[in-house]
Amino acid sequence: MSDSTAFTRAAAIIALALFALLIVFQLALALGAPWGRAAYGGQHPGVLPTHFRVASAVAVVVWAVIALAVARRGALPVWSPVPDSWLPVVVWIIVGLLVIAAVMNAITPSALERAIWLPFSVLAVASTVTVAITART
């Protein structure tokens, strides 16, 4: 394995770990964990209302697809629902979405959400953009 492949894989592993944490968080919210202060702008302390819990359940699936796509592009031996030929473009789209998420986490009115999710978002952007740039075609 070349140094560049190892670097890409390391970035993909970091991204995958971050996405796994996010998936667990969203799943916990969907199942009724009282963590509403740390999500959706912190508007609903405690257990989220049903529509936000449904949104978190959907987010679990979306983040799982994102995690698998980035991991696959990062040369990890995982299945991805995204065809390999689409991965270069899809991973750049994911980078764009993560940048938007970082901005949203930077401007959220919730100090708790900002404290947790802004650094998380920056790390997710950094690891995913690293995969996007260094992955072999």
Protein backbone atom coordinates (compact mmCIF):
# COMPACT_ATOMS: atom_id res chain seq x y z
CA MET A 1 0.00 0.00 0.00
CA SER A 2 1.38 3.40 -0.97
CA ASP A 3 1.69 6.28 1.46
CA SER A 4 -1.06 8.19 -0.34
CA THR A 5 -3.43 5.21 -0.11
CA ALA A 6 -2.67 4.85 3.60
CA PHE A 7 -3.30 8.57 4.10
CA THR A 8 -6.60 8.35 2.23
CA ARG A 9 -7.66 5.32 4.25
CA ALA A 10 -6.76 7.05 7.52
CA ALA A 11 -8.91 10.03 6.56
CA ALA A 12 -11.73 7.69 5.56
CA ILE A 13 -11.52 5.87 8.90
CA ILE A 14 -11.70 9.19 10.76
CA ALA A 15 -14.70 10.27 8.66
CA LEU A 16 -16.37 6.89 9.19
CA ALA A 17 -15.87 7.11 12.96
CA LEU A 18 -17.34 10.62 13.01
CA PHE A 19 -20.34 9.57 10.92
CA ALA A 20 -20.84 6.54 13.19
CA LEU A 21 -21.01 8.86 16.22
CA LEU A 22 -23.50 11.06 14.41
CA ILE A 23 -25.61 8.04 13.47
CA VAL A 24 -25.68 6.86 17.08
CA PHE A 25 -26.65 10.37 18.23
CA GLN A 26 -29.46 10.65 15.67
CA LEU A 27 -30.68 7.14 16.48
CA ALA A 28 -30.77 8.00 20.17
CA LEU A 29 -32.77 11.15 19.41
CA ALA A 30 -35.19 9.14 17.25
CA LEU A 31 -35.65 6.65 20.07
CA GLY A 32 -36.41 9.38 22.60
CA ALA A 33 -33.12 10.32 24.25
CA PRO A 34 -33.57 13.65 26.07
CA TRP A 35 -30.85 15.42 24.10
CA GLY A 36 -32.98 18.01 22.31
CA ARG A 37 -30.84 20.89 23.58
CA ALA A 38 -27.99 19.58 21.41
CA ALA A 39 -29.99 19.26 18.17
CA TYR A 40 -32.21 21.20 15.79
CA GLY A 41 -31.17 24.58 17.14
CA GLY A 42 -31.68 23.52 20.76
CA GLN A 43 -35.33 24.61 20.60
CA HIS A 44 -36.68 21.54 22.34
CA PRO A 45 -34.88 20.62 25.57
CA GLY A 46 -35.48 17.04 26.54
CA VAL A 47 -37.18 14.57 24.23
CA LEU A 48 -37.80 15.92 20.75
CA PRO A 49 -41.32 16.28 19.33
CA THR A 50 -42.42 13.47 17.03
CA HIS A 51 -41.65 15.25 13.77
CA PHE A 52 -38.06 15.87 14.84
CA ARG A 53 -37.74 12.27 16.00
CA VAL A 54 -38.90 11.14 12.56
CA ALA A 55 -36.37 13.53 10.99
CA SER A 56 -33.66 11.96 13.14
CA ALA A 57 -34.70 8.48 12.02
CA VAL A 58 -34.43 9.59 8.39
CA ALA A 59 -31.08 11.20 9.19
CA VAL A 60 -29.79 7.83 10.42
CA VAL A 61 -30.34 6.38 6.95
CA VAL A 62 -28.94 9.43 5.14
CA TRP A 63 -25.80 9.54 7.30
CA ALA A 64 -25.31 5.79 6.85
CA VAL A 65 -25.35 6.22 3.05
CA ILE A 66 -22.94 9.14 3.37
CA ALA A 67 -20.62 7.16 5.64
CA LEU A 68 -20.54 4.19 3.28
CA ALA A 69 -19.90 6.38 0.23
CA VAL A 70 -17.00 8.22 1.87
CA ALA A 71 -15.54 4.99 3.26
CA ARG A 72 -15.75 3.29 -0.14
CA ARG A 73 -14.16 6.29 -1.87
CA GLY A 74 -11.46 6.18 0.80
CA ALA A 75 -10.50 2.64 -0.28
CA LEU A 76 -12.05 0.91 2.72
CA PRO A 77 -13.47 -2.52 1.91
CA VAL A 78 -17.14 -1.67 2.41
CA TRP A 79 -20.23 -1.89 0.25
CA SER A 80 -21.73 1.40 -0.83
CA PRO A 81 -25.21 2.05 -2.21
CA VAL A 82 -23.56 4.59 -4.51
CA PRO A 83 -21.98 3.14 -7.68
CA ASP A 84 -18.19 3.42 -7.70
CA SER A 85 -18.24 5.52 -10.86
CA TRP A 86 -20.35 8.16 -9.07
CA LEU A 87 -18.25 8.30 -5.89
CA PRO A 88 -15.85 11.09 -6.89
CA VAL A 89 -18.73 13.49 -7.57
CA VAL A 90 -20.88 12.25 -4.68
CA VAL A 91 -18.06 12.72 -2.17
CA TRP A 92 -17.57 16.32 -3.34
CA ILE A 93 -21.32 16.90 -2.93
CA ILE A 94 -21.00 15.48 0.59
CA VAL A 95 -18.13 17.90 1.26
CA GLY A 96 -20.39 20.75 0.19
CA LEU A 97 -23.18 19.57 2.47
CA LEU A 98 -20.74 19.24 5.36
CA VAL A 99 -19.52 22.81 4.79
CA ILE A 100 -23.15 23.98 4.98
CA ALA A 101 -23.59 21.94 8.17
CA ALA A 102 -20.48 23.56 9.66
CA VAL A 103 -21.82 27.03 8.87
CA MET A 104 -25.21 26.15 10.37
CA ASN A 105 -23.50 24.81 13.49
CA ALA A 106 -21.45 28.00 13.72
CA ILE A 107 -24.54 30.23 13.68
CA THR A 108 -26.94 28.14 15.75
CA PRO A 109 -28.48 29.98 18.70
CA SER A 110 -27.77 26.94 20.89
CA ALA A 111 -24.43 27.32 22.68
CA LEU A 112 -24.41 23.61 23.50
CA GLU A 113 -25.05 22.64 19.91
CA ARG A 114 -22.33 25.03 18.71
CA ALA A 115 -19.84 23.68 21.27
CA ILE A 116 -20.42 20.07 20.28
CA TRP A 117 -21.23 20.15 16.59
CA LEU A 118 -19.04 22.94 15.22
CA PRO A 119 -15.75 21.16 16.03
CA PHE A 120 -17.34 17.89 14.92
CA SER A 121 -18.38 19.48 11.60
CA VAL A 122 -14.95 20.95 10.99
CA LEU A 123 -13.34 17.55 11.54
CA ALA A 124 -15.91 15.90 9.27
CA VAL A 125 -15.20 18.46 6.52
CA ALA A 126 -11.43 18.04 6.92
CA SER A 127 -11.48 14.24 6.80
CA THR A 128 -13.97 14.06 3.95
CA VAL A 129 -12.23 16.69 1.82
CA THR A 130 -9.00 14.77 2.40
CA VAL A 131 -10.65 11.65 1.01
CA ALA A 132 -12.05 13.63 -1.92
CA ILE A 133 -8.65 15.10 -2.80
CA THR A 134 -6.40 12.10 -2.21
CA ALA A 135 -8.52 9.16 -3.36
CA ARG A 136 -7.41 7.47 -6.53
CA THR A 137 -9.80 7.38 -9.43
